[in-house]
Each structure stands twice: as structure tokens, then as C-alpha cells.
């Protein structure tokens, strides 16, 4: 896995807060965390990005990259009878990618006192795809080759 840290110019579009309601596989009503009282980082409770973070201070993206294509190739060799869906199933890799991102954000915070992390920036209204495209990081939707897990770091507004 690879970790990249880029200073970004956030592109905010609050329509992204509503994407959580879009149906997807096995979730016909959208994300089950929407309006979950135990998830204040998810809509509708998630704060607005520019009301939470001080936009006058540097904001960073912390990106963990996982080579999904290599993983699928290894799984096909190890399990020749598996389907394409089975070889790419996130149950086999997502935990390690999240763990790596957590490690990267912990290290970032050690080196950047005063910063806070959001692991759900879309819920705050950030267009992660467009923001990262502007710094040369392309997100695949859906991921086919490289999975990129993203956290955003910023300094909290004093009145937030």
C-alpha cells in the first residue's frame, strides 16, 4: 500500500450530502448510516465542510492506495474457481486499507498539531473526486485497478 498526502483546494458541493440516500447493491434505501444517531459524521448531522474547517488554513488529503488489480490476480491464482465478484470482494481487503489510512492519519496528526481529520468528507459536502482531480489524483468509480481511501485534514474553525 502507498500513502499520499496532498495539500488541496476543497471543492464544495452540498448535493453530495444527499448521495447517501442513493440506492446501491443490498441497500435499496441508500447508506444505513444516514440519520443514524450514533454517526454524527454522517448526514444529516454531519457539519458543512466550510463551516467546520477554517478555509483560510491549509487543508490536506491523506490518501491510502491499494492495488486492487494485483489483489484480484493473486486471488484468482489462489482460488481458481472463484468468480470475478469473489476475487474482488472488499471483505478480503477493506479492513487492511482502513487500518493503513488510520495509521497514516495518526502520523499526520502527530506532525500537524491542531489539525482534525474527517474520514467522511463527502458527508460534509466535499466533492472528493473533483478536489483530488485538481491535484492529479484520479479516483476510479467503481475502482478497477487502484482503490483510494481518503481522509481530509484541516484546522477547525474557532466558531464551529
N, C-alpha and C. Protein backbone atom coordinates (compact mmCIF):
# COMPACT_ATOMS: atom_id res chain seq x y z
N UNK A 1 0.84 -1.18 0.00
CA UNK A 1 0.00 0.00 0.00
C UNK A 1 0.88 1.24 0.00
N UNK A 2 0.31 2.28 -0.51
CA UNK A 2 1.02 3.54 -0.66
C UNK A 2 0.16 4.64 -0.04
N UNK A 3 0.82 5.59 0.62
CA UNK A 3 0.09 6.73 1.18
C UNK A 3 0.61 8.01 0.55
N UNK A 4 -0.32 8.88 0.16
CA UNK A 4 0.00 10.16 -0.45
C UNK A 4 -0.66 11.24 0.41
N UNK A 5 0.06 12.34 0.62
CA UNK A 5 -0.51 13.50 1.29
C UNK A 5 -0.39 14.68 0.35
N UNK A 6 -1.53 15.31 0.07
CA UNK A 6 -1.56 16.45 -0.85
C UNK A 6 -2.30 17.60 -0.20
N UNK A 7 -1.73 18.80 -0.34
CA UNK A 7 -2.49 19.98 0.05
C UNK A 7 -3.52 20.22 -1.04
N UNK A 8 -4.74 20.52 -0.63
CA UNK A 8 -5.85 20.63 -1.59
C UNK A 8 -6.55 21.97 -1.50
N UNK A 9 -7.27 22.29 -2.56
CA UNK A 9 -8.20 23.39 -2.59
C UNK A 9 -9.59 22.77 -2.66
N UNK A 10 -10.30 22.68 -1.54
CA UNK A 10 -11.56 21.94 -1.50
C UNK A 10 -12.61 22.47 -2.45
N UNK A 11 -13.25 21.56 -3.16
CA UNK A 11 -14.40 21.89 -3.99
C UNK A 11 -15.64 21.40 -3.24
N UNK A 12 -16.45 22.36 -2.85
CA UNK A 12 -17.61 22.05 -2.03
C UNK A 12 -18.87 22.08 -2.88
N UNK A 13 -19.68 21.05 -2.69
CA UNK A 13 -20.97 20.97 -3.36
C UNK A 13 -21.88 20.18 -2.44
N UNK A 14 -22.82 20.86 -1.83
CA UNK A 14 -23.64 20.22 -0.80
C UNK A 14 -24.61 19.17 -1.33
N UNK A 15 -24.70 19.01 -2.64
CA UNK A 15 -25.52 17.91 -3.16
C UNK A 15 -24.95 16.56 -2.74
N UNK A 16 -23.64 16.52 -2.43
CA UNK A 16 -23.02 15.25 -2.04
C UNK A 16 -23.56 14.72 -0.73
N UNK A 17 -24.07 15.61 0.11
CA UNK A 17 -24.66 15.16 1.37
C UNK A 17 -25.88 14.27 1.11
N UNK A 18 -26.53 14.45 -0.03
CA UNK A 18 -27.70 13.66 -0.38
C UNK A 18 -27.37 12.34 -1.06
N UNK A 19 -26.13 12.16 -1.49
CA UNK A 19 -25.76 10.92 -2.17
C UNK A 19 -25.93 9.70 -1.27
N UNK A 20 -25.90 9.92 0.02
CA UNK A 20 -26.05 8.81 0.97
C UNK A 20 -27.41 8.14 0.83
N UNK A 21 -28.37 8.83 0.24
CA UNK A 21 -29.72 8.27 0.07
C UNK A 21 -29.87 7.49 -1.23
N UNK A 22 -28.83 7.50 -2.08
CA UNK A 22 -28.90 6.78 -3.35
C UNK A 22 -28.84 5.28 -3.09
N UNK A 23 -29.76 4.53 -3.69
CA UNK A 23 -29.73 3.08 -3.54
C UNK A 23 -28.45 2.49 -4.15
N UNK A 24 -27.95 1.44 -3.54
CA UNK A 24 -26.85 0.68 -4.10
C UNK A 24 -27.01 -0.77 -3.69
N UNK A 25 -26.19 -1.62 -4.22
CA UNK A 25 -26.33 -3.06 -4.03
C UNK A 25 -26.56 -3.42 -2.56
N UNK A 26 -27.62 -4.14 -2.31
CA UNK A 26 -28.02 -4.62 -0.98
C UNK A 26 -28.51 -3.51 -0.05
N UNK A 27 -28.58 -2.27 -0.56
CA UNK A 27 -29.07 -1.15 0.25
C UNK A 27 -30.03 -0.31 -0.59
N UNK A 28 -31.27 -0.78 -0.75
CA UNK A 28 -32.23 -0.07 -1.62
C UNK A 28 -32.61 1.31 -1.11
N UNK A 29 -32.36 1.61 0.15
CA UNK A 29 -32.68 2.93 0.69
C UNK A 29 -31.42 3.78 0.88
N UNK A 30 -30.31 3.33 0.32
CA UNK A 30 -29.06 4.07 0.48
C UNK A 30 -28.29 3.61 1.70
N UNK A 31 -27.35 4.40 2.12
CA UNK A 31 -26.47 4.03 3.22
C UNK A 31 -27.25 3.88 4.53
N UNK A 32 -27.04 2.80 5.24
CA UNK A 32 -27.75 2.60 6.50
C UNK A 32 -27.30 3.56 7.60
N UNK A 33 -26.21 4.28 7.39
CA UNK A 33 -25.76 5.24 8.39
C UNK A 33 -26.44 6.61 8.27
N UNK A 34 -27.21 6.81 7.20
CA UNK A 34 -27.91 8.08 7.05
C UNK A 34 -28.88 8.24 8.21
N UNK A 35 -28.79 9.38 8.87
CA UNK A 35 -29.65 9.72 10.00
C UNK A 35 -29.48 8.77 11.19
N UNK A 36 -28.33 8.13 11.27
CA UNK A 36 -28.02 7.23 12.39
C UNK A 36 -27.55 8.09 13.56
N UNK A 37 -28.25 8.05 14.69
CA UNK A 37 -27.87 8.90 15.83
C UNK A 37 -26.48 8.58 16.38
N UNK A 38 -25.97 7.40 16.06
CA UNK A 38 -24.62 7.02 16.51
C UNK A 38 -23.53 7.46 15.55
N UNK A 39 -23.91 8.11 14.45
CA UNK A 39 -22.95 8.55 13.44
C UNK A 39 -23.09 10.04 13.18
N UNK A 40 -22.59 10.89 14.08
CA UNK A 40 -22.71 12.34 13.87
C UNK A 40 -21.89 12.84 12.68
N UNK A 41 -21.00 11.98 12.13
CA UNK A 41 -20.21 12.36 10.96
C UNK A 41 -20.93 12.05 9.66
N UNK A 42 -22.16 11.53 9.75
CA UNK A 42 -22.95 11.20 8.57
C UNK A 42 -24.15 12.13 8.48
N UNK A 43 -24.64 12.36 7.24
CA UNK A 43 -25.82 13.22 7.08
C UNK A 43 -27.04 12.64 7.80
N UNK A 44 -27.94 13.47 8.19
CA UNK A 44 -27.95 14.92 8.04
C UNK A 44 -27.19 15.65 9.15
N UNK A 45 -26.62 14.93 10.11
CA UNK A 45 -25.94 15.55 11.25
C UNK A 45 -24.55 16.09 10.91
N UNK A 46 -23.93 15.57 9.88
CA UNK A 46 -22.56 15.99 9.54
C UNK A 46 -22.53 17.50 9.30
N UNK A 47 -21.53 18.17 9.86
CA UNK A 47 -21.43 19.62 9.64
C UNK A 47 -21.05 19.93 8.19
N UNK A 48 -21.33 21.15 7.77
CA UNK A 48 -20.90 21.59 6.44
C UNK A 48 -19.40 21.84 6.47
N UNK A 49 -18.73 21.42 5.40
CA UNK A 49 -17.28 21.46 5.32
C UNK A 49 -16.72 22.83 5.66
N UNK A 50 -17.21 23.86 4.97
CA UNK A 50 -16.64 25.20 5.15
C UNK A 50 -17.12 25.89 6.42
N UNK A 51 -18.07 25.29 7.11
CA UNK A 51 -18.46 25.82 8.42
C UNK A 51 -17.70 25.12 9.54
N UNK A 52 -17.14 23.96 9.22
CA UNK A 52 -16.39 23.19 10.22
C UNK A 52 -14.89 23.49 10.15
N UNK A 53 -14.34 23.45 8.93
CA UNK A 53 -12.91 23.68 8.75
C UNK A 53 -12.63 25.14 8.39
N UNK A 54 -11.52 25.65 8.88
CA UNK A 54 -11.07 27.00 8.58
C UNK A 54 -10.49 27.00 7.17
N UNK A 55 -11.22 27.57 6.24
CA UNK A 55 -10.81 27.55 4.83
C UNK A 55 -9.62 28.47 4.56
N UNK A 56 -9.22 29.27 5.54
CA UNK A 56 -8.04 30.14 5.38
C UNK A 56 -6.75 29.40 5.72
N UNK A 57 -6.87 28.22 6.30
CA UNK A 57 -5.71 27.40 6.67
C UNK A 57 -5.52 26.29 5.64
N UNK A 58 -4.29 25.77 5.53
CA UNK A 58 -4.07 24.66 4.58
C UNK A 58 -4.94 23.45 4.93
N UNK A 59 -5.46 22.83 3.90
CA UNK A 59 -6.26 21.62 4.05
C UNK A 59 -5.58 20.53 3.23
N UNK A 60 -5.55 19.33 3.80
CA UNK A 60 -4.81 18.23 3.19
C UNK A 60 -5.71 17.02 2.95
N UNK A 61 -5.38 16.29 1.90
CA UNK A 61 -5.97 14.98 1.66
C UNK A 61 -4.91 13.94 2.01
N UNK A 62 -5.31 12.96 2.78
CA UNK A 62 -4.44 11.83 3.11
C UNK A 62 -5.06 10.64 2.39
N UNK A 63 -4.30 10.06 1.48
CA UNK A 63 -4.84 9.06 0.56
C UNK A 63 -4.05 7.77 0.71
N UNK A 64 -4.74 6.69 1.00
CA UNK A 64 -4.12 5.37 1.02
C UNK A 64 -4.53 4.66 -0.25
N UNK A 65 -3.52 4.17 -0.97
CA UNK A 65 -3.77 3.48 -2.24
C UNK A 65 -3.58 1.97 -2.06
N UNK A 66 -4.51 1.22 -2.61
CA UNK A 66 -4.47 -0.23 -2.57
C UNK A 66 -4.55 -0.75 -3.99
N UNK A 67 -3.63 -1.63 -4.36
CA UNK A 67 -3.58 -2.18 -5.72
C UNK A 67 -4.59 -3.32 -5.83
N UNK A 68 -5.81 -2.97 -6.19
CA UNK A 68 -6.88 -3.95 -6.31
C UNK A 68 -6.61 -4.94 -7.43
N UNK A 69 -6.07 -4.48 -8.52
CA UNK A 69 -5.80 -5.34 -9.66
C UNK A 69 -4.84 -6.48 -9.28
N UNK A 70 -3.77 -6.15 -8.56
CA UNK A 70 -2.82 -7.19 -8.11
C UNK A 70 -3.48 -8.15 -7.13
N UNK A 71 -4.31 -7.60 -6.25
CA UNK A 71 -5.02 -8.44 -5.29
C UNK A 71 -5.92 -9.44 -6.01
N UNK A 72 -6.67 -8.97 -7.01
CA UNK A 72 -7.56 -9.84 -7.77
C UNK A 72 -6.76 -10.93 -8.47
N UNK A 73 -5.63 -10.57 -9.05
CA UNK A 73 -4.78 -11.55 -9.73
C UNK A 73 -4.31 -12.63 -8.76
N UNK A 74 -3.88 -12.23 -7.58
CA UNK A 74 -3.44 -13.20 -6.56
C UNK A 74 -4.58 -14.10 -6.12
N UNK A 75 -5.76 -13.51 -5.95
CA UNK A 75 -6.92 -14.30 -5.52
C UNK A 75 -7.34 -15.30 -6.59
N UNK A 76 -7.21 -14.92 -7.86
CA UNK A 76 -7.55 -15.84 -8.96
C UNK A 76 -6.61 -17.04 -8.97
N UNK A 77 -5.34 -16.80 -8.65
CA UNK A 77 -4.38 -17.90 -8.59
C UNK A 77 -4.68 -18.79 -7.39
N UNK A 78 -4.92 -18.17 -6.25
CA UNK A 78 -5.19 -18.93 -5.02
C UNK A 78 -6.53 -19.65 -5.05
N UNK A 79 -7.50 -19.08 -5.76
CA UNK A 79 -8.86 -19.63 -5.81
C UNK A 79 -9.37 -19.65 -7.26
N UNK A 80 -8.87 -20.57 -8.07
CA UNK A 80 -9.20 -20.56 -9.50
C UNK A 80 -10.69 -20.74 -9.82
N UNK A 81 -11.46 -21.25 -8.90
CA UNK A 81 -12.88 -21.46 -9.15
C UNK A 81 -13.75 -20.28 -8.73
N UNK A 82 -13.14 -19.24 -8.16
CA UNK A 82 -13.91 -18.09 -7.70
C UNK A 82 -14.35 -17.23 -8.88
N UNK A 83 -15.46 -16.55 -8.68
CA UNK A 83 -15.96 -15.61 -9.68
C UNK A 83 -15.18 -14.30 -9.57
N UNK A 84 -15.37 -13.45 -10.56
CA UNK A 84 -14.75 -12.11 -10.53
C UNK A 84 -15.20 -11.34 -9.29
N UNK A 85 -16.47 -11.47 -8.98
CA UNK A 85 -17.02 -10.80 -7.79
C UNK A 85 -16.34 -11.28 -6.51
N UNK A 86 -16.12 -12.56 -6.40
CA UNK A 86 -15.46 -13.10 -5.21
C UNK A 86 -14.01 -12.64 -5.10
N UNK A 87 -13.30 -12.61 -6.22
CA UNK A 87 -11.88 -12.25 -6.15
C UNK A 87 -11.66 -10.78 -5.83
N UNK A 88 -12.66 -9.94 -6.10
CA UNK A 88 -12.51 -8.51 -5.81
C UNK A 88 -13.28 -8.08 -4.56
N UNK A 89 -13.93 -9.00 -3.89
CA UNK A 89 -14.78 -8.69 -2.74
C UNK A 89 -14.03 -7.89 -1.68
N UNK A 90 -14.63 -6.78 -1.26
CA UNK A 90 -13.98 -5.88 -0.31
C UNK A 90 -13.78 -6.50 1.07
N UNK A 91 -14.49 -7.55 1.38
CA UNK A 91 -14.32 -8.19 2.69
C UNK A 91 -12.88 -8.69 2.90
N UNK A 92 -12.18 -8.96 1.80
CA UNK A 92 -10.83 -9.51 1.89
C UNK A 92 -9.73 -8.45 1.95
N UNK A 93 -10.07 -7.20 1.68
CA UNK A 93 -9.01 -6.17 1.66
C UNK A 93 -9.39 -4.88 2.37
N UNK A 94 -10.66 -4.58 2.53
CA UNK A 94 -11.08 -3.27 3.04
C UNK A 94 -10.54 -2.98 4.45
N UNK A 95 -10.53 -3.97 5.31
CA UNK A 95 -10.05 -3.77 6.68
C UNK A 95 -8.60 -3.32 6.72
N UNK A 96 -7.76 -3.92 5.90
CA UNK A 96 -6.34 -3.54 5.91
C UNK A 96 -6.14 -2.15 5.33
N UNK A 97 -6.97 -1.76 4.36
CA UNK A 97 -6.86 -0.41 3.79
C UNK A 97 -7.30 0.62 4.83
N UNK A 98 -8.38 0.35 5.52
CA UNK A 98 -8.83 1.26 6.59
C UNK A 98 -7.78 1.38 7.69
N UNK A 99 -7.17 0.25 8.05
CA UNK A 99 -6.13 0.25 9.08
C UNK A 99 -4.94 1.10 8.64
N UNK A 100 -4.57 0.99 7.38
CA UNK A 100 -3.45 1.77 6.84
C UNK A 100 -3.77 3.26 6.84
N UNK A 101 -5.01 3.61 6.47
CA UNK A 101 -5.42 5.01 6.49
C UNK A 101 -5.40 5.55 7.92
N UNK A 102 -5.86 4.76 8.86
CA UNK A 102 -5.85 5.17 10.27
C UNK A 102 -4.41 5.43 10.73
N UNK A 103 -3.51 4.55 10.34
CA UNK A 103 -2.09 4.73 10.68
C UNK A 103 -1.55 6.03 10.07
N UNK A 104 -1.90 6.28 8.83
CA UNK A 104 -1.43 7.48 8.14
C UNK A 104 -1.99 8.75 8.77
N UNK A 105 -3.27 8.73 9.15
CA UNK A 105 -3.87 9.92 9.77
C UNK A 105 -3.30 10.16 11.16
N UNK A 106 -3.04 9.10 11.89
CA UNK A 106 -2.43 9.23 13.22
C UNK A 106 -1.05 9.88 13.10
N UNK A 107 -0.26 9.44 12.13
CA UNK A 107 1.06 10.02 11.91
C UNK A 107 0.95 11.48 11.48
N UNK A 108 0.00 11.77 10.59
CA UNK A 108 -0.21 13.14 10.14
C UNK A 108 -0.50 14.05 11.34
N UNK A 109 -1.40 13.63 12.21
CA UNK A 109 -1.77 14.45 13.37
C UNK A 109 -0.60 14.68 14.32
N UNK A 110 0.29 13.71 14.41
CA UNK A 110 1.49 13.89 15.24
C UNK A 110 2.37 15.00 14.68
N UNK A 111 2.41 15.10 13.36
CA UNK A 111 3.26 16.09 12.69
C UNK A 111 2.56 17.42 12.43
N UNK A 112 1.25 17.48 12.65
CA UNK A 112 0.46 18.68 12.38
C UNK A 112 -0.46 18.98 13.55
N UNK A 113 0.09 19.53 14.63
CA UNK A 113 -0.76 19.84 15.79
C UNK A 113 -1.86 20.81 15.43
N UNK A 114 -3.02 20.61 16.02
CA UNK A 114 -4.16 21.49 15.79
C UNK A 114 -5.07 21.03 14.68
N UNK A 115 -4.63 20.07 13.88
CA UNK A 115 -5.45 19.57 12.78
C UNK A 115 -6.44 18.52 13.27
N UNK A 116 -7.55 18.42 12.54
CA UNK A 116 -8.55 17.39 12.78
C UNK A 116 -8.78 16.63 11.48
N UNK A 117 -9.27 15.41 11.60
CA UNK A 117 -9.46 14.53 10.46
C UNK A 117 -10.94 14.26 10.23
N UNK A 118 -11.33 14.23 8.97
CA UNK A 118 -12.65 13.73 8.57
C UNK A 118 -12.43 12.53 7.66
N UNK A 119 -13.04 11.41 8.02
CA UNK A 119 -12.99 10.24 7.14
C UNK A 119 -14.27 10.12 6.32
N UNK A 120 -15.17 11.09 6.50
CA UNK A 120 -16.40 11.13 5.71
C UNK A 120 -16.59 12.53 5.10
N UNK A 121 -15.62 12.99 4.31
CA UNK A 121 -15.70 14.36 3.79
C UNK A 121 -16.87 14.60 2.84
N UNK A 122 -17.33 13.55 2.12
CA UNK A 122 -18.48 13.73 1.23
C UNK A 122 -19.71 14.10 2.05
N UNK A 123 -19.81 13.53 3.26
CA UNK A 123 -20.95 13.81 4.13
C UNK A 123 -20.97 15.27 4.57
N UNK A 124 -19.81 15.93 4.48
CA UNK A 124 -19.69 17.34 4.84
C UNK A 124 -19.89 18.24 3.62
N UNK A 125 -20.07 17.62 2.44
CA UNK A 125 -20.31 18.39 1.22
C UNK A 125 -19.08 18.58 0.35
N UNK A 126 -18.02 17.81 0.58
CA UNK A 126 -16.81 17.94 -0.23
C UNK A 126 -16.91 17.03 -1.45
N UNK A 127 -16.66 17.58 -2.63
CA UNK A 127 -16.54 16.76 -3.84
C UNK A 127 -15.12 16.19 -3.86
N UNK A 128 -14.98 15.01 -3.29
CA UNK A 128 -13.65 14.41 -3.17
C UNK A 128 -13.07 14.12 -4.55
N UNK A 129 -13.88 13.59 -5.44
CA UNK A 129 -13.39 13.24 -6.78
C UNK A 129 -12.84 14.47 -7.50
N UNK A 130 -13.60 15.56 -7.54
CA UNK A 130 -13.16 16.77 -8.24
C UNK A 130 -11.99 17.44 -7.51
N UNK A 131 -12.03 17.45 -6.20
CA UNK A 131 -10.94 18.06 -5.42
C UNK A 131 -9.63 17.35 -5.69
N UNK A 132 -9.65 16.03 -5.68
CA UNK A 132 -8.42 15.27 -5.91
C UNK A 132 -7.96 15.33 -7.36
N UNK A 133 -8.92 15.39 -8.28
CA UNK A 133 -8.53 15.51 -9.70
C UNK A 133 -7.67 16.75 -9.91
N UNK A 134 -7.97 17.82 -9.17
CA UNK A 134 -7.20 19.06 -9.31
C UNK A 134 -5.77 18.97 -8.81
N UNK A 135 -5.46 17.91 -8.05
CA UNK A 135 -4.07 17.72 -7.60
C UNK A 135 -3.47 16.45 -8.22
N UNK A 136 -4.09 15.99 -9.32
CA UNK A 136 -3.53 14.88 -10.09
C UNK A 136 -3.84 13.49 -9.56
N UNK A 137 -4.80 13.37 -8.66
CA UNK A 137 -5.18 12.06 -8.14
C UNK A 137 -6.56 11.72 -8.70
N UNK A 138 -6.62 10.65 -9.48
CA UNK A 138 -7.86 10.25 -10.12
C UNK A 138 -8.48 9.09 -9.37
N UNK A 139 -9.74 9.26 -9.00
CA UNK A 139 -10.47 8.19 -8.33
C UNK A 139 -11.26 7.41 -9.38
N UNK A 140 -11.15 6.11 -9.34
CA UNK A 140 -11.92 5.25 -10.24
C UNK A 140 -13.27 4.93 -9.59
N UNK A 141 -14.35 5.08 -10.35
CA UNK A 141 -15.69 4.74 -9.86
C UNK A 141 -16.37 3.81 -10.85
N UNK A 142 -16.57 2.56 -10.53
CA UNK A 142 -16.05 1.88 -9.34
C UNK A 142 -14.58 1.54 -9.54
N UNK A 143 -13.86 1.33 -8.45
CA UNK A 143 -12.44 1.00 -8.58
C UNK A 143 -12.24 -0.31 -9.34
N UNK A 144 -11.32 -0.28 -10.29
CA UNK A 144 -10.97 -1.47 -11.07
C UNK A 144 -9.50 -1.85 -10.85
N UNK A 145 -8.66 -0.84 -10.71
CA UNK A 145 -7.22 -1.08 -10.59
C UNK A 145 -6.68 -0.66 -9.23
N UNK A 146 -6.93 0.59 -8.87
CA UNK A 146 -6.43 1.15 -7.61
C UNK A 146 -7.60 1.66 -6.79
N UNK A 147 -7.68 1.21 -5.54
CA UNK A 147 -8.66 1.73 -4.59
C UNK A 147 -7.96 2.82 -3.80
N UNK A 148 -8.58 3.97 -3.69
CA UNK A 148 -8.03 5.07 -2.91
C UNK A 148 -9.00 5.42 -1.79
N UNK A 149 -8.55 5.26 -0.56
CA UNK A 149 -9.33 5.62 0.62
C UNK A 149 -8.81 6.97 1.09
N UNK A 150 -9.72 7.93 1.32
CA UNK A 150 -9.33 9.32 1.53
C UNK A 150 -9.83 9.85 2.87
N UNK A 151 -8.95 10.54 3.56
CA UNK A 151 -9.31 11.32 4.74
C UNK A 151 -8.89 12.76 4.46
N UNK A 152 -9.58 13.69 5.07
CA UNK A 152 -9.26 15.11 4.90
C UNK A 152 -8.84 15.68 6.24
N UNK A 153 -7.80 16.50 6.23
CA UNK A 153 -7.30 17.12 7.46
C UNK A 153 -7.38 18.63 7.32
N UNK A 154 -7.88 19.25 8.37
CA UNK A 154 -7.97 20.71 8.39
C UNK A 154 -7.99 21.20 9.83
N UNK A 155 -7.90 22.49 9.97
CA UNK A 155 -7.99 23.11 11.29
C UNK A 155 -9.42 23.56 11.47
N UNK A 156 -9.97 23.21 12.61
CA UNK A 156 -11.36 23.54 12.89
C UNK A 156 -11.53 25.05 13.08
N UNK A 157 -12.62 25.57 12.52
CA UNK A 157 -12.94 26.98 12.71
C UNK A 157 -13.15 27.25 14.20
N UNK A 158 -12.78 28.41 14.63
CA UNK A 158 -12.93 28.74 16.06
C UNK A 158 -14.38 28.88 16.45
N UNK A 159 -15.26 29.20 15.52
CA UNK A 159 -16.68 29.34 15.85
C UNK A 159 -17.49 28.12 15.45
N UNK A 160 -16.81 27.02 15.10
CA UNK A 160 -17.53 25.80 14.67
C UNK A 160 -17.98 24.99 15.87
